[in-house]
């Protein structure tokens, strides 16, 4: 990274993942910080935020879906998790993949397959 002055470091610290990265084409620096560096920093912050969101939300998403499915058991709104080619879906147990209202919940991997099996076992027991 480039050696930055204290003023530039303070400007970099103010950047957030939602900071604007579209600048006029002739713009070379913003508050003494190169535009290219600003774009790199904002993109890194966005990637980090996205990474944190996906690791936290898988478990919380499953909990919310489980609560909703238990509440809707015996109605037309009742849904289970089903396995697709590349993802796990929240769909009707009657229509499965033909359910026009199915929702892709997350990507398919070993962890999510275990969660799917556990989710469906809990629903079948209650």
Protein backbone atom coordinates (compact mmCIF):
# COMPACT_ATOMS: atom_id res chain seq x y z
CA UNK A 1 0.00 0.00 0.00
CA UNK A 2 1.09 3.56 -0.62
CA UNK A 3 2.56 5.59 2.25
CA UNK A 4 -0.29 7.84 3.31
CA UNK A 5 -0.30 11.00 5.39
CA UNK A 6 -2.32 11.27 8.60
CA UNK A 7 -4.98 13.29 6.80
CA UNK A 8 -5.30 10.64 4.05
CA UNK A 9 -5.47 7.86 6.65
CA UNK A 10 -8.33 9.67 8.38
CA UNK A 11 -10.16 9.96 5.04
CA UNK A 12 -9.66 6.22 4.39
CA UNK A 13 -11.02 5.39 7.85
CA UNK A 14 -14.21 7.33 7.01
CA UNK A 15 -14.90 5.11 3.99
CA UNK A 16 -17.67 2.56 4.38
CA UNK A 17 -18.94 -0.32 2.28
CA UNK A 18 -21.78 1.88 1.05
CA UNK A 19 -19.50 4.76 0.00
CA UNK A 20 -19.94 6.08 -3.53
CA UNK A 21 -17.38 4.77 -6.02
CA UNK A 22 -18.54 6.48 -9.19
CA UNK A 23 -16.58 9.64 -9.87
CA UNK A 24 -16.19 11.91 -12.86
CA UNK A 25 -13.66 10.53 -15.35
CA UNK A 26 -11.13 13.32 -14.84
CA UNK A 27 -11.05 12.95 -11.08
CA UNK A 28 -7.67 11.71 -9.83
CA UNK A 29 -7.93 12.29 -6.05
CA UNK A 30 -10.64 12.81 -3.46
CA UNK A 31 -9.46 14.65 -0.32
CA UNK A 32 -5.87 13.73 -1.22
CA UNK A 33 -6.61 9.98 -1.63
CA UNK A 34 -6.28 8.46 -5.12
CA UNK A 35 -9.60 7.38 -6.65
CA UNK A 36 -8.20 3.95 -7.54
CA UNK A 37 -7.30 3.35 -3.88
CA UNK A 38 -10.75 4.46 -2.72
CA UNK A 39 -12.42 2.01 -5.10
CA UNK A 40 -10.18 -0.85 -3.92
CA UNK A 41 -10.85 -0.14 -0.25
CA UNK A 42 -14.61 0.16 -0.68
CA UNK A 43 -14.71 -3.10 -2.68
CA UNK A 44 -12.73 -4.92 0.05
CA UNK A 45 -15.12 -3.60 2.70
CA UNK A 46 -18.11 -4.76 0.64
CA UNK A 47 -16.65 -8.25 0.24
CA UNK A 48 -15.91 -8.51 3.96
CA UNK A 49 -19.41 -7.36 4.85
CA UNK A 50 -20.93 -9.84 2.41
CA UNK A 51 -18.82 -12.64 3.89
CA UNK A 52 -19.94 -11.82 7.43
CA UNK A 53 -23.57 -11.65 6.37
CA UNK A 54 -23.62 -15.08 4.73
CA UNK A 55 -21.97 -16.93 7.62
CA UNK A 56 -24.34 -15.46 10.18
CA UNK A 57 -27.50 -15.65 8.15
CA UNK A 58 -27.51 -19.37 7.25
CA UNK A 59 -28.33 -20.46 10.79
CA UNK A 60 -30.72 -17.59 11.45
CA UNK A 61 -32.46 -18.19 8.11
CA UNK A 62 -32.96 -21.87 8.95
CA UNK A 63 -34.37 -20.98 12.38
CA UNK A 64 -36.86 -18.54 10.85
CA UNK A 65 -37.95 -21.02 8.20
CA UNK A 66 -38.31 -23.78 10.80
CA UNK A 67 -40.49 -21.59 13.01
CA UNK A 68 -42.64 -20.62 10.02
CA UNK A 69 -43.01 -24.22 8.84
CA UNK A 70 -44.01 -25.40 12.32
CA UNK A 71 -46.58 -22.61 12.52
CA UNK A 72 -48.02 -23.47 9.09
CA UNK A 73 -48.10 -27.26 9.51
CA UNK A 74 -51.37 -28.63 8.14
CA UNK A 75 -52.01 -25.65 5.87
CA UNK A 76 -51.23 -24.89 2.24
CA UNK A 77 -48.35 -22.66 3.38
CA UNK A 78 -46.39 -25.56 4.89
CA UNK A 79 -42.99 -26.03 3.20
CA UNK A 80 -39.87 -28.15 3.61
CA UNK A 81 -36.30 -27.91 2.37
CA UNK A 82 -35.55 -29.86 -0.81
CA UNK A 83 -32.32 -30.57 -2.64
CA UNK A 84 -31.66 -29.23 -6.12
CA UNK A 85 -28.70 -29.62 -8.46
CA UNK A 86 -26.78 -26.65 -7.10
CA UNK A 87 -28.88 -25.37 -4.20
CA UNK A 88 -31.28 -26.05 -1.37
CA UNK A 89 -34.86 -24.84 -1.86
CA UNK A 90 -37.77 -24.08 0.46
CA UNK A 91 -40.77 -25.62 -1.31
CA UNK A 92 -44.07 -27.38 -0.85
CA UNK A 93 -43.78 -31.10 0.07
CA UNK A 94 -46.56 -31.86 -2.41
CA UNK A 95 -45.21 -30.07 -5.49
CA UNK A 96 -41.44 -30.12 -4.70
CA UNK A 97 -39.59 -28.62 -7.69
CA UNK A 98 -42.85 -27.93 -9.54
CA UNK A 99 -43.83 -25.47 -6.80
CA UNK A 100 -43.98 -22.10 -8.57
CA UNK A 101 -43.54 -20.40 -5.20
CA UNK A 102 -40.34 -22.19 -4.13
CA UNK A 103 -37.43 -20.14 -2.87
CA UNK A 104 -33.71 -20.82 -3.14
CA UNK A 105 -32.36 -20.65 0.41
CA UNK A 106 -28.63 -21.35 0.00
CA UNK A 107 -25.99 -23.14 -2.06
CA UNK A 108 -25.63 -26.90 -1.84
CA UNK A 109 -22.65 -28.20 0.15
CA UNK A 110 -22.03 -30.70 2.96
CA UNK A 111 -23.00 -28.28 5.73
CA UNK A 112 -26.24 -27.20 4.08
CA UNK A 113 -27.20 -30.80 3.24
CA UNK A 114 -26.85 -31.69 6.94
CA UNK A 115 -28.96 -28.65 7.87
CA UNK A 116 -31.58 -29.66 5.32
CA UNK A 117 -31.80 -33.22 6.69
CA UNK A 118 -31.99 -31.96 10.28
CA UNK A 119 -34.63 -29.39 9.32
CA UNK A 120 -36.83 -32.03 7.64
CA UNK A 121 -36.38 -34.53 10.53
CA UNK A 122 -37.53 -31.91 13.04
CA UNK A 123 -40.59 -31.14 10.92
CA UNK A 124 -41.49 -34.82 10.47
CA UNK A 125 -41.31 -35.48 14.24
CA UNK A 126 -43.63 -32.62 15.24
